[in-house]
Amino acid sequence: MEACPVTRKEKLAVKQHQSTRQLMGIQGVAPHGVTTSNAELVFFLVRPDNLSVLSADGIRARVNALANLLRAEPAVELLVVDSRESFQRNKEFYQARLEEERLPALRELLAQDIRHLDEILSSSASAREFVLILRRDLKSDMNEGTLRQLEKGICDHGLHVRLADEQDVKRLLAVYYQHDVTTDFFEDVDGGKAVIQNGK
């Protein structure tokens, strides 16, 4: 008996009933990363050097150090997260308003708003976060001590890194998936704090 192909509507219905974690392919948040169905991703936060004060040889040394690390550790990947707010929709709104506005005073105010957003974007153009991700098998015996040794080993390559903690991981996920760069502390459950306060 031949199986019926799943229709697009059925696929959409299944997708709509999935949790956020299922949609992201994440099973849980670990102390230093996230777990998926077959691996744990451990995050190391990289503190980038200020390249404007380094010589050409210094920059070359940093690039070589990163290249050597990625060659020596095939399980390590590099992730770059844009940790700044995007004002593109705001700019598009102001631009559309500017095109339809007839009053000169309001047109000037709208133009000032657009210039202000451009200034914010140019001043935060370097707001990037660099993350090294170690993909490890869930069955591996890598413990906290091993991860700390790996952290030290990465530092020995000439890179300034630290092992991410749980709040770092949640913040990275919020930046990556929601472009949320303003939240300071992330609860384990949405609305959990409100439920606890109301229960008192």
C-alpha atoms as a PDB file:
ATOM      1  CA  MET A   1       0.000   0.000   0.000  1.00  0.00           C
ATOM      2  CA  GLU A   2       1.463   3.354  -1.053  1.00  0.00           C
ATOM      3  CA  ALA A   3       1.641   6.187   1.491  1.00  0.00           C
ATOM      4  CA  CYS A   4      -0.229   9.380   0.622  1.00  0.00           C
ATOM      5  CA  PRO A   5       2.038  12.411   0.171  1.00  0.00           C
ATOM      6  CA  VAL A   6       1.653  15.083   2.824  1.00  0.00           C
ATOM      7  CA  THR A   7      -0.032  18.175   1.428  1.00  0.00           C
ATOM      8  CA  ARG A   8       1.260  21.694   1.952  1.00  0.00           C
ATOM      9  CA  LYS A   9      -1.761  22.484   4.133  1.00  0.00           C
ATOM     10  CA  GLU A  10      -1.026  19.490   6.393  1.00  0.00           C
ATOM     11  CA  LYS A  11       2.634  20.518   6.698  1.00  0.00           C
ATOM     12  CA  LEU A  12       1.571  24.041   7.667  1.00  0.00           C
ATOM     13  CA  ALA A  13      -0.848  22.676  10.283  1.00  0.00           C
ATOM     14  CA  VAL A  14       1.946  20.583  11.844  1.00  0.00           C
ATOM     15  CA  LYS A  15       4.302  23.573  11.823  1.00  0.00           C
ATOM     16  CA  GLN A  16       1.718  25.801  13.528  1.00  0.00           C
ATOM     17  CA  HIS A  17       1.447  23.357  16.436  1.00  0.00           C
ATOM     18  CA  GLN A  18       5.197  23.162  17.024  1.00  0.00           C
ATOM     19  CA  SER A  19       6.798  24.930  19.941  1.00  0.00           C
ATOM     20  CA  THR A  20       9.339  27.706  19.399  1.00  0.00           C
ATOM     21  CA  ARG A  21      12.133  25.320  20.361  1.00  0.00           C
ATOM     22  CA  GLN A  22      10.942  22.725  17.824  1.00  0.00           C
ATOM     23  CA  LEU A  23      10.866  25.357  15.085  1.00  0.00           C
ATOM     24  CA  MET A  24      14.430  26.380  15.963  1.00  0.00           C
ATOM     25  CA  GLY A  25      15.609  22.763  16.180  1.00  0.00           C
ATOM     26  CA  ILE A  26      16.610  23.247  19.820  1.00  0.00           C
ATOM     27  CA  GLN A  27      15.714  20.770  22.555  1.00  0.00           C
ATOM     28  CA  GLY A  28      16.953  22.817  25.473  1.00  0.00           C
ATOM     29  CA  VAL A  29      19.282  25.483  26.808  1.00  0.00           C
ATOM     30  CA  ALA A  30      22.433  23.983  28.354  1.00  0.00           C
ATOM     31  CA  PRO A  31      24.720  25.738  30.881  1.00  0.00           C
ATOM     32  CA  HIS A  32      27.048  26.907  28.057  1.00  0.00           C
ATOM     33  CA  GLY A  33      24.985  26.435  24.889  1.00  0.00           C
ATOM     34  CA  VAL A  34      22.009  24.586  23.449  1.00  0.00           C
ATOM     35  CA  THR A  35      21.160  20.942  22.851  1.00  0.00           C
ATOM     36  CA  THR A  36      19.709  19.609  19.619  1.00  0.00           C
ATOM     37  CA  SER A  37      18.478  16.118  18.778  1.00  0.00           C
ATOM     38  CA  ASN A  38      21.998  14.786  18.155  1.00  0.00           C
ATOM     39  CA  ALA A  39      24.510  17.305  19.503  1.00  0.00           C
ATOM     40  CA  GLU A  40      25.263  20.022  22.011  1.00  0.00           C
ATOM     41  CA  LEU A  41      26.455  23.382  20.760  1.00  0.00           C
ATOM     42  CA  VAL A  42      28.835  25.023  23.248  1.00  0.00           C
ATOM     43  CA  PHE A  43      29.331  28.792  22.833  1.00  0.00           C
ATOM     44  CA  PHE A  44      32.558  30.701  23.448  1.00  0.00           C
ATOM     45  CA  LEU A  45      32.215  34.491  23.304  1.00  0.00           C
ATOM     46  CA  VAL A  46      35.077  36.201  21.506  1.00  0.00           C
ATOM     47  CA  ARG A  47      36.203  39.641  22.646  1.00  0.00           C
ATOM     48  CA  PRO A  48      37.427  41.226  19.404  1.00  0.00           C
ATOM     49  CA  ASP A  49      40.539  43.343  19.377  1.00  0.00           C
ATOM     50  CA  ASN A  50      40.374  47.008  18.424  1.00  0.00           C
ATOM     51  CA  LEU A  51      41.872  46.670  14.948  1.00  0.00           C
ATOM     52  CA  SER A  52      42.238  50.435  14.524  1.00  0.00           C
ATOM     53  CA  VAL A  53      45.130  50.473  17.025  1.00  0.00           C
ATOM     54  CA  LEU A  54      46.863  47.360  15.692  1.00  0.00           C
ATOM     55  CA  SER A  55      49.590  47.415  13.087  1.00  0.00           C
ATOM     56  CA  ALA A  56      49.206  45.515   9.825  1.00  0.00           C
ATOM     57  CA  ASP A  57      51.401  42.738  11.281  1.00  0.00           C
ATOM     58  CA  GLY A  58      49.238  42.635  14.419  1.00  0.00           C
ATOM     59  CA  ILE A  59      46.062  42.262  12.374  1.00  0.00           C
ATOM     60  CA  ARG A  60      47.699  39.554  10.252  1.00  0.00           C
ATOM     61  CA  ALA A  61      48.720  37.704  13.443  1.00  0.00           C
ATOM     62  CA  ARG A  62      45.118  37.806  14.747  1.00  0.00           C
ATOM     63  CA  VAL A  63      43.716  36.537  11.433  1.00  0.00           C
ATOM     64  CA  ASN A  64      46.311  33.735  11.336  1.00  0.00           C
ATOM     65  CA  ALA A  65      45.504  32.788  14.955  1.00  0.00           C
ATOM     66  CA  LEU A  66      41.808  32.425  14.101  1.00  0.00           C
ATOM     67  CA  ALA A  67      42.575  30.491  10.903  1.00  0.00           C
ATOM     68  CA  ASN A  68      44.913  28.141  12.808  1.00  0.00           C
ATOM     69  CA  LEU A  69      42.278  27.546  15.478  1.00  0.00           C
ATOM     70  CA  LEU A  70      39.577  26.704  12.919  1.00  0.00           C
ATOM     71  CA  ARG A  71      42.003  24.337  11.144  1.00  0.00           C
ATOM     72  CA  ALA A  72      43.131  22.654  14.381  1.00  0.00           C
ATOM     73  CA  GLU A  73      39.597  22.227  15.751  1.00  0.00           C
ATOM     74  CA  PRO A  74      37.287  21.015  12.953  1.00  0.00           C
ATOM     75  CA  ALA A  75      34.352  20.855  15.404  1.00  0.00           C
ATOM     76  CA  VAL A  76      34.602  24.624  16.036  1.00  0.00           C
ATOM     77  CA  GLU A  77      32.469  26.962  13.911  1.00  0.00           C
ATOM     78  CA  LEU A  78      32.317  30.758  13.789  1.00  0.00           C
ATOM     79  CA  LEU A  79      29.088  32.721  14.257  1.00  0.00           C
ATOM     80  CA  VAL A  80      28.757  36.480  13.840  1.00  0.00           C
ATOM     81  CA  VAL A  81      25.670  38.117  15.333  1.00  0.00           C
ATOM     82  CA  ASP A  82      24.612  41.654  14.502  1.00  0.00           C
ATOM     83  CA  SER A  83      23.875  42.907  18.012  1.00  0.00           C
ATOM     84  CA  ARG A  84      22.353  46.231  17.120  1.00  0.00           C
ATOM     85  CA  GLU A  85      18.817  47.337  16.478  1.00  0.00           C
ATOM     86  CA  SER A  86      17.604  47.685  12.919  1.00  0.00           C
ATOM     87  CA  PHE A  87      15.618  50.803  12.120  1.00  0.00           C
ATOM     88  CA  GLN A  88      14.879  49.874   8.506  1.00  0.00           C
ATOM     89  CA  ARG A  89      11.093  49.801   8.934  1.00  0.00           C
ATOM     90  CA  ASN A  90      11.183  53.128  10.776  1.00  0.00           C
ATOM     91  CA  LYS A  91      13.251  54.640   7.958  1.00  0.00           C
ATOM     92  CA  GLU A  92      10.862  53.281   5.321  1.00  0.00           C
ATOM     93  CA  PHE A  93       7.905  54.738   7.243  1.00  0.00           C
ATOM     94  CA  TYR A  94       9.544  58.170   7.547  1.00  0.00           C
ATOM     95  CA  GLN A  95      10.535  58.082   3.866  1.00  0.00           C
ATOM     96  CA  ALA A  96       6.974  57.252   2.788  1.00  0.00           C
ATOM     97  CA  ARG A  97       5.597  60.028   5.023  1.00  0.00           C
ATOM     98  CA  LEU A  98       8.178  62.455   3.628  1.00  0.00           C
ATOM     99  CA  GLU A  99       7.079  61.699   0.062  1.00  0.00           C
ATOM    100  CA  GLU A 100       3.389  62.357   0.806  1.00  0.00           C
ATOM    101  CA  GLU A 101       3.802  65.293   3.235  1.00  0.00           C
ATOM    102  CA  ARG A 102       3.187  68.776   1.793  1.00  0.00           C
ATOM    103  CA  LEU A 103       3.874  71.034   4.798  1.00  0.00           C
ATOM    104  CA  PRO A 104       7.516  72.227   4.738  1.00  0.00           C
ATOM    105  CA  ALA A 105       7.853  72.236   8.546  1.00  0.00           C
ATOM    106  CA  LEU A 106       6.725  68.608   8.822  1.00  0.00           C
ATOM    107  CA  ARG A 107       8.902  67.615   5.879  1.00  0.00           C
ATOM    108  CA  GLU A 108      11.912  69.085   7.689  1.00  0.00           C
ATOM    109  CA  LEU A 109      11.056  67.192  10.901  1.00  0.00           C
ATOM    110  CA  LEU A 110      10.724  63.922   8.984  1.00  0.00           C
ATOM    111  CA  ALA A 111      14.071  64.533   7.253  1.00  0.00           C
ATOM    112  CA  GLN A 112      15.668  65.193  10.665  1.00  0.00           C
ATOM    113  CA  ASP A 113      14.251  61.899  11.977  1.00  0.00           C
ATOM    114  CA  ILE A 114      15.731  60.023   9.017  1.00  0.00           C
ATOM    115  CA  ARG A 115      19.138  61.688   9.554  1.00  0.00           C
ATOM    116  CA  HIS A 116      18.988  60.813  13.266  1.00  0.00           C
ATOM    117  CA  LEU A 117      18.357  57.114  12.484  1.00  0.00           C
ATOM    118  CA  ASP A 118      21.257  57.169  10.006  1.00  0.00           C
ATOM    119  CA  GLU A 119      23.535  58.589  12.716  1.00  0.00           C
ATOM    120  CA  ILE A 120      22.513  55.854  15.169  1.00  0.00           C
ATOM    121  CA  LEU A 121      23.181  53.164  12.564  1.00  0.00           C
ATOM    122  CA  SER A 122      26.579  54.554  11.580  1.00  0.00           C
ATOM    123  CA  SER A 123      27.684  54.913  15.224  1.00  0.00           C
ATOM    124  CA  SER A 124      26.706  51.296  15.977  1.00  0.00           C
ATOM    125  CA  ALA A 125      28.037  49.808  12.728  1.00  0.00           C
ATOM    126  CA  SER A 126      30.696  47.868  14.637  1.00  0.00           C
ATOM    127  CA  ALA A 127      28.249  46.363  17.147  1.00  0.00           C
ATOM    128  CA  ARG A 128      28.907  42.760  16.214  1.00  0.00           C
ATOM    129  CA  GLU A 129      29.341  39.745  18.452  1.00  0.00           C
ATOM    130  CA  PHE A 130      31.646  36.918  17.477  1.00  0.00           C
ATOM    131  CA  VAL A 131      30.951  33.465  18.837  1.00  0.00           C
ATOM    132  CA  LEU A 132      32.918  30.249  18.485  1.00  0.00           C
ATOM    133  CA  ILE A 133      30.633  27.230  18.533  1.00  0.00           C
ATOM    134  CA  LEU A 134      31.879  23.793  19.504  1.00  0.00           C
ATOM    135  CA  ARG A 135      29.592  21.073  18.153  1.00  0.00           C
ATOM    136  CA  ARG A 136      29.974  18.001  20.354  1.00  0.00           C
ATOM    137  CA  ASP A 137      28.270  14.629  20.430  1.00  0.00           C
ATOM    138  CA  LEU A 138      25.804  14.190  23.298  1.00  0.00           C
ATOM    139  CA  LYS A 139      27.536  10.904  24.181  1.00  0.00           C
ATOM    140  CA  SER A 140      30.949  12.518  24.564  1.00  0.00           C
ATOM    141  CA  ASP A 141      32.403  12.702  28.070  1.00  0.00           C
ATOM    142  CA  MET A 142      33.271  16.409  27.824  1.00  0.00           C
ATOM    143  CA  ASN A 143      32.676  17.899  31.280  1.00  0.00           C
ATOM    144  CA  GLU A 144      33.043  21.394  32.755  1.00  0.00           C
ATOM    145  CA  GLY A 145      36.773  20.884  33.356  1.00  0.00           C
ATOM    146  CA  THR A 146      37.334  19.821  29.753  1.00  0.00           C
ATOM    147  CA  LEU A 147      35.436  22.865  28.475  1.00  0.00           C
ATOM    148  CA  ARG A 148      37.542  25.158  30.694  1.00  0.00           C
ATOM    149  CA  GLN A 149      40.721  23.552  29.309  1.00  0.00           C
ATOM    150  CA  LEU A 150      39.441  24.124  25.776  1.00  0.00           C
ATOM    151  CA  GLU A 151      38.694  27.752  26.688  1.00  0.00           C
ATOM    152  CA  LYS A 152      42.309  28.125  27.847  1.00  0.00           C
ATOM    153  CA  GLY A 153      43.533  26.376  24.681  1.00  0.00           C
ATOM    154  CA  ILE A 154      41.621  28.851  22.505  1.00  0.00           C
ATOM    155  CA  CYS A 155      43.131  31.736  24.498  1.00  0.00           C
ATOM    156  CA  ASP A 156      46.562  30.202  23.833  1.00  0.00           C
ATOM    157  CA  HIS A 157      45.857  30.713  20.101  1.00  0.00           C
ATOM    158  CA  GLY A 158      45.913  34.465  20.782  1.00  0.00           C
ATOM    159  CA  LEU A 159      42.143  34.986  20.994  1.00  0.00           C
ATOM    160  CA  HIS A 160      40.351  36.493  23.996  1.00  0.00           C
ATOM    161  CA  VAL A 161      37.382  34.219  24.716  1.00  0.00           C
ATOM    162  CA  ARG A 162      35.180  33.166  27.590  1.00  0.00           C
ATOM    163  CA  LEU A 163      32.762  30.293  27.947  1.00  0.00           C
ATOM    164  CA  ALA A 164      29.183  31.578  27.611  1.00  0.00           C
ATOM    165  CA  ASP A 165      26.850  31.230  30.588  1.00  0.00           C
ATOM    166  CA  GLU A 166      23.127  30.509  30.387  1.00  0.00           C
ATOM    167  CA  GLN A 167      22.092  34.181  30.209  1.00  0.00           C
ATOM    168  CA  ASP A 168      24.637  34.743  27.395  1.00  0.00           C
ATOM    169  CA  VAL A 169      23.081  31.859  25.473  1.00  0.00           C
ATOM    170  CA  LYS A 170      19.545  33.203  25.884  1.00  0.00           C
ATOM    171  CA  ARG A 171      20.697  36.688  24.863  1.00  0.00           C
ATOM    172  CA  LEU A 172      22.394  35.317  21.730  1.00  0.00           C
ATOM    173  CA  LEU A 173      19.225  33.434  20.783  1.00  0.00           C
ATOM    174  CA  ALA A 174      17.150  36.590  21.351  1.00  0.00           C
ATOM    175  CA  VAL A 175      19.517  38.655  19.174  1.00  0.00           C
ATOM    176  CA  TYR A 176      19.685  35.981  16.459  1.00  0.00           C
ATOM    177  CA  TYR A 177      15.971  35.188  16.248  1.00  0.00           C
ATOM    178  CA  GLN A 178      14.261  38.376  17.484  1.00  0.00           C
ATOM    179  CA  HIS A 179      16.899  41.105  17.061  1.00  0.00           C
ATOM    180  CA  ASP A 180      16.280  41.854  20.751  1.00  0.00           C
ATOM    181  CA  VAL A 181      19.312  43.770  21.992  1.00  0.00           C
ATOM    182  CA  THR A 182      17.649  45.538  24.920  1.00  0.00           C
ATOM    183  CA  THR A 183      16.587  42.786  27.359  1.00  0.00           C
ATOM    184  CA  ASP A 184      18.993  42.431  30.290  1.00  0.00           C
ATOM    185  CA  PHE A 185      17.695  39.249  31.927  1.00  0.00           C
ATOM    186  CA  PHE A 186      15.781  36.373  30.345  1.00  0.00           C
ATOM    187  CA  GLU A 187      13.309  34.267  32.322  1.00  0.00           C
ATOM    188  CA  ASP A 188      13.144  30.497  31.811  1.00  0.00           C
ATOM    189  CA  VAL A 189       9.420  30.728  31.034  1.00  0.00           C
ATOM    190  CA  ASP A 190       7.663  33.629  29.301  1.00  0.00           C
ATOM    191  CA  GLY A 191       5.455  35.395  31.833  1.00  0.00           C
ATOM    192  CA  GLY A 192       6.870  33.296  34.684  1.00  0.00           C
ATOM    193  CA  LYS A 193       7.705  36.363  36.774  1.00  0.00           C
ATOM    194  CA  ALA A 194       4.155  37.738  36.435  1.00  0.00           C
ATOM    195  CA  VAL A 195       2.629  34.399  37.492  1.00  0.00           C
ATOM    196  CA  ILE A 196       4.877  34.243  40.590  1.00  0.00           C
ATOM    197  CA  GLN A 197       4.031  37.862  41.552  1.00  0.00           C
ATOM    198  CA  ASN A 198       0.290  37.280  41.129  1.00  0.00           C
ATOM    199  CA  GLY A 199       0.466  34.097  43.205  1.00  0.00           C
ATOM    200  CA  LYS A 200       1.796  35.977  46.254  1.00  0.00           C
END
